Amino acid sequence: MSRAEPAQFNVRSSYARKRAREIAQATGMTVTQVVEDALRAYAPPAPQATIGALVRRGPLLVLPAKGKLVSLDDANAALDATREERR
């Protein structure tokens, strides 16, 4: 027999609890109705398109690579050669 999903939602933010109560009192709604209404109205921000020459790589905007791609082995070899020259 499957368990029913509990219908309890705990809010630890004192500001959020206080503000939800204030809105509920001002509108005549319950706190649950206020939270449900706010969640229905929420829409996450749309991802931002490229800005000029920058492209998104995860959370960062970077200049796109130009020219030859460098492999990890090539980069490590160049670093090792530079280290050897310094010795």
N, C-alpha and C. Protein backbone atom coordinates (compact mmCIF):
# COMPACT_ATOMS: atom_id res chain seq x y z
N MET A 1 0.84 -1.17 0.00
CA MET A 1 0.00 0.00 0.00
C MET A 1 0.89 1.24 0.00
N SER A 2 0.66 2.16 -0.90
CA SER A 2 1.51 3.35 -1.01
C SER A 2 1.10 4.39 0.03
N ARG A 3 2.08 5.15 0.42
CA ARG A 3 1.83 6.21 1.40
C ARG A 3 1.41 7.47 0.68
N ALA A 4 0.51 8.19 1.27
CA ALA A 4 0.10 9.47 0.70
C ALA A 4 1.19 10.50 0.94
N GLU A 5 1.37 11.37 -0.02
CA GLU A 5 2.37 12.42 0.11
C GLU A 5 1.87 13.44 1.14
N PRO A 6 2.69 13.75 2.14
CA PRO A 6 2.22 14.72 3.14
C PRO A 6 2.01 16.10 2.52
N ALA A 7 0.97 16.77 2.96
CA ALA A 7 0.64 18.08 2.40
C ALA A 7 1.16 19.20 3.30
N GLN A 8 2.32 19.01 3.87
CA GLN A 8 2.90 20.02 4.74
C GLN A 8 4.12 20.62 4.07
N PHE A 9 4.24 21.94 4.19
CA PHE A 9 5.34 22.67 3.58
C PHE A 9 5.90 23.59 4.65
N ASN A 10 7.13 23.37 5.07
CA ASN A 10 7.73 24.17 6.13
C ASN A 10 8.56 25.29 5.53
N VAL A 11 8.33 26.50 6.02
CA VAL A 11 9.08 27.67 5.57
C VAL A 11 9.94 28.12 6.75
N ARG A 12 11.24 28.15 6.55
CA ARG A 12 12.14 28.52 7.64
C ARG A 12 12.47 30.01 7.66
N SER A 13 12.13 30.72 6.62
CA SER A 13 12.42 32.14 6.55
C SER A 13 11.38 32.91 7.36
N SER A 14 11.84 33.65 8.36
CA SER A 14 10.90 34.43 9.17
C SER A 14 10.25 35.54 8.33
N TYR A 15 11.02 36.11 7.39
CA TYR A 15 10.45 37.13 6.52
C TYR A 15 9.31 36.56 5.68
N ALA A 16 9.53 35.39 5.07
CA ALA A 16 8.51 34.78 4.21
C ALA A 16 7.26 34.44 5.00
N ARG A 17 7.42 33.89 6.20
CA ARG A 17 6.25 33.56 7.03
C ARG A 17 5.48 34.81 7.40
N LYS A 18 6.21 35.86 7.82
CA LYS A 18 5.56 37.10 8.23
C LYS A 18 4.85 37.76 7.05
N ARG A 19 5.52 37.81 5.91
CA ARG A 19 4.94 38.45 4.72
C ARG A 19 3.72 37.69 4.21
N ALA A 20 3.78 36.36 4.23
CA ALA A 20 2.64 35.55 3.80
C ALA A 20 1.44 35.78 4.71
N ARG A 21 1.67 35.88 6.02
CA ARG A 21 0.58 36.18 6.96
C ARG A 21 -0.01 37.56 6.71
N GLU A 22 0.86 38.56 6.46
CA GLU A 22 0.38 39.92 6.20
C GLU A 22 -0.51 39.96 4.95
N ILE A 23 -0.05 39.29 3.89
CA ILE A 23 -0.83 39.27 2.66
C ILE A 23 -2.14 38.54 2.87
N ALA A 24 -2.10 37.43 3.62
CA ALA A 24 -3.32 36.67 3.88
C ALA A 24 -4.33 37.51 4.64
N GLN A 25 -3.89 38.25 5.63
CA GLN A 25 -4.79 39.10 6.41
C GLN A 25 -5.36 40.24 5.55
N ALA A 26 -4.52 40.82 4.69
CA ALA A 26 -4.96 41.93 3.86
C ALA A 26 -5.94 41.50 2.77
N THR A 27 -5.81 40.26 2.30
CA THR A 27 -6.65 39.80 1.19
C THR A 27 -7.81 38.91 1.62
N GLY A 28 -7.80 38.46 2.87
CA GLY A 28 -8.84 37.55 3.33
C GLY A 28 -8.62 36.12 2.88
N MET A 29 -7.45 35.84 2.35
CA MET A 29 -7.10 34.48 1.92
C MET A 29 -6.40 33.76 3.06
N THR A 30 -6.23 32.46 2.93
CA THR A 30 -5.41 31.73 3.89
C THR A 30 -3.96 31.84 3.44
N VAL A 31 -3.05 31.54 4.35
CA VAL A 31 -1.63 31.58 4.01
C VAL A 31 -1.35 30.56 2.91
N THR A 32 -1.98 29.41 2.97
CA THR A 32 -1.80 28.40 1.94
C THR A 32 -2.24 28.92 0.58
N GLN A 33 -3.36 29.61 0.53
CA GLN A 33 -3.83 30.18 -0.73
C GLN A 33 -2.86 31.23 -1.27
N VAL A 34 -2.32 32.03 -0.38
CA VAL A 34 -1.35 33.05 -0.80
C VAL A 34 -0.12 32.39 -1.41
N VAL A 35 0.40 31.37 -0.75
CA VAL A 35 1.60 30.67 -1.26
C VAL A 35 1.29 29.98 -2.58
N GLU A 36 0.15 29.30 -2.68
CA GLU A 36 -0.22 28.63 -3.93
C GLU A 36 -0.36 29.63 -5.07
N ASP A 37 -0.99 30.76 -4.79
CA ASP A 37 -1.17 31.79 -5.81
C ASP A 37 0.18 32.34 -6.27
N ALA A 38 1.07 32.57 -5.33
CA ALA A 38 2.40 33.09 -5.67
C ALA A 38 3.17 32.08 -6.51
N LEU A 39 3.08 30.80 -6.17
CA LEU A 39 3.79 29.78 -6.93
C LEU A 39 3.22 29.61 -8.32
N ARG A 40 1.91 29.75 -8.47
CA ARG A 40 1.30 29.66 -9.80
C ARG A 40 1.74 30.84 -10.68
N ALA A 41 1.91 32.00 -10.07
CA ALA A 41 2.25 33.21 -10.82
C ALA A 41 3.74 33.28 -11.16
N TYR A 42 4.57 32.51 -10.46
CA TYR A 42 6.01 32.59 -10.66
C TYR A 42 6.41 31.98 -11.99
N ALA A 43 7.24 32.68 -12.72
CA ALA A 43 7.84 32.16 -13.95
C ALA A 43 9.33 32.42 -13.87
N PRO A 44 10.16 31.37 -13.96
CA PRO A 44 11.60 31.59 -13.87
C PRO A 44 12.08 32.48 -15.01
N PRO A 45 13.13 33.25 -14.79
CA PRO A 45 13.63 34.14 -15.84
C PRO A 45 14.08 33.32 -17.06
N ALA A 46 13.80 33.87 -18.22
CA ALA A 46 14.21 33.20 -19.47
C ALA A 46 15.71 33.31 -19.62
N PRO A 47 16.34 32.29 -20.19
CA PRO A 47 17.79 32.39 -20.40
C PRO A 47 18.10 33.53 -21.36
N GLN A 48 19.13 34.28 -21.00
CA GLN A 48 19.50 35.44 -21.79
C GLN A 48 20.23 35.00 -23.06
N ALA A 49 19.88 35.60 -24.15
CA ALA A 49 20.53 35.29 -25.43
C ALA A 49 21.97 35.79 -25.39
N THR A 50 22.72 35.48 -26.41
CA THR A 50 24.11 35.94 -26.47
C THR A 50 24.15 37.47 -26.47
N ILE A 51 25.17 37.99 -25.87
CA ILE A 51 25.35 39.44 -25.77
C ILE A 51 26.57 39.81 -26.59
N GLY A 52 26.35 40.45 -27.71
CA GLY A 52 27.46 40.82 -28.57
C GLY A 52 28.20 39.58 -29.03
N ALA A 53 29.49 39.53 -28.80
CA ALA A 53 30.31 38.40 -29.23
C ALA A 53 30.40 37.33 -28.15
N LEU A 54 29.81 37.57 -26.97
CA LEU A 54 29.92 36.61 -25.87
C LEU A 54 28.92 35.48 -26.04
N VAL A 55 29.30 34.30 -25.56
CA VAL A 55 28.41 33.14 -25.55
C VAL A 55 28.36 32.58 -24.13
N ARG A 56 27.27 31.91 -23.81
CA ARG A 56 27.10 31.36 -22.46
C ARG A 56 27.76 30.00 -22.37
N ARG A 57 28.60 29.82 -21.38
CA ARG A 57 29.21 28.53 -21.04
C ARG A 57 28.87 28.28 -19.57
N GLY A 58 27.77 27.57 -19.34
CA GLY A 58 27.29 27.38 -17.97
C GLY A 58 26.81 28.72 -17.46
N PRO A 59 27.22 29.11 -16.26
CA PRO A 59 26.77 30.39 -15.71
C PRO A 59 27.59 31.60 -16.19
N LEU A 60 28.62 31.36 -17.01
CA LEU A 60 29.51 32.44 -17.43
C LEU A 60 29.27 32.85 -18.88
N LEU A 61 29.54 34.12 -19.17
CA LEU A 61 29.57 34.61 -20.55
C LEU A 61 31.04 34.74 -20.93
N VAL A 62 31.43 34.10 -22.02
CA VAL A 62 32.84 34.11 -22.44
C VAL A 62 32.93 34.42 -23.92
N LEU A 63 34.13 34.81 -24.35
CA LEU A 63 34.38 34.98 -25.77
C LEU A 63 34.50 33.60 -26.41
N PRO A 64 33.90 33.39 -27.56
CA PRO A 64 34.02 32.08 -28.20
C PRO A 64 35.46 31.82 -28.65
N ALA A 65 35.81 30.55 -28.65
CA ALA A 65 37.16 30.16 -29.06
C ALA A 65 37.34 30.41 -30.55
N LYS A 66 38.53 30.83 -30.91
CA LYS A 66 38.87 31.04 -32.32
C LYS A 66 40.15 30.29 -32.61
N GLY A 67 40.25 29.77 -33.80
CA GLY A 67 41.48 29.09 -34.19
C GLY A 67 41.52 27.66 -33.73
N LYS A 68 42.74 27.15 -33.58
CA LYS A 68 42.97 25.74 -33.26
C LYS A 68 42.55 25.43 -31.82
N LEU A 69 41.91 24.28 -31.64
CA LEU A 69 41.59 23.82 -30.29
C LEU A 69 42.82 23.14 -29.70
N VAL A 70 43.04 23.32 -28.42
CA VAL A 70 44.20 22.74 -27.75
C VAL A 70 43.69 21.58 -26.89
N SER A 71 44.30 20.41 -27.08
CA SER A 71 43.90 19.25 -26.29
C SER A 71 44.56 19.32 -24.92
N LEU A 72 44.07 18.51 -24.01
CA LEU A 72 44.65 18.46 -22.67
C LEU A 72 46.09 17.97 -22.73
N ASP A 73 46.35 16.99 -23.56
CA ASP A 73 47.72 16.48 -23.69
C ASP A 73 48.67 17.54 -24.22
N ASP A 74 48.23 18.32 -25.22
CA ASP A 74 49.06 19.40 -25.76
C ASP A 74 49.34 20.47 -24.69
N ALA A 75 48.32 20.80 -23.92
CA ALA A 75 48.49 21.81 -22.87
C ALA A 75 49.45 21.32 -21.81
N ASN A 76 49.31 20.07 -21.39
CA ASN A 76 50.22 19.51 -20.39
C ASN A 76 51.64 19.45 -20.91
N ALA A 77 51.82 19.09 -22.17
CA ALA A 77 53.17 19.04 -22.76
C ALA A 77 53.79 20.42 -22.78
N ALA A 78 53.02 21.45 -23.14
CA ALA A 78 53.54 22.82 -23.16
C ALA A 78 53.91 23.28 -21.76
N LEU A 79 53.10 22.93 -20.77
CA LEU A 79 53.42 23.30 -19.38
C LEU A 79 54.69 22.60 -18.91
N ASP A 80 54.81 21.32 -19.22
CA ASP A 80 56.01 20.58 -18.83
C ASP A 80 57.26 21.17 -19.48
N ALA A 81 57.16 21.54 -20.76
CA ALA A 81 58.31 22.13 -21.47
C ALA A 81 58.71 23.46 -20.83
N THR A 82 57.73 24.27 -20.46
CA THR A 82 58.01 25.55 -19.82
C THR A 82 58.67 25.35 -18.46
N ARG A 83 58.21 24.36 -17.73
CA ARG A 83 58.79 24.07 -16.40
C ARG A 83 60.25 23.60 -16.54
N GLU A 84 60.50 22.79 -17.56
CA GLU A 84 61.85 22.31 -17.78
C GLU A 84 62.79 23.46 -18.15
N GLU A 85 62.32 24.43 -18.92
CA GLU A 85 63.15 25.57 -19.30
C GLU A 85 63.55 26.41 -18.10
N ARG A 86 62.70 26.47 -17.09
CA ARG A 86 62.96 27.29 -15.91
C ARG A 86 63.97 26.62 -14.97
N ARG A 87 64.20 25.36 -15.11
CA ARG A 87 65.14 24.66 -14.22
C ARG A 87 66.54 24.85 -14.61
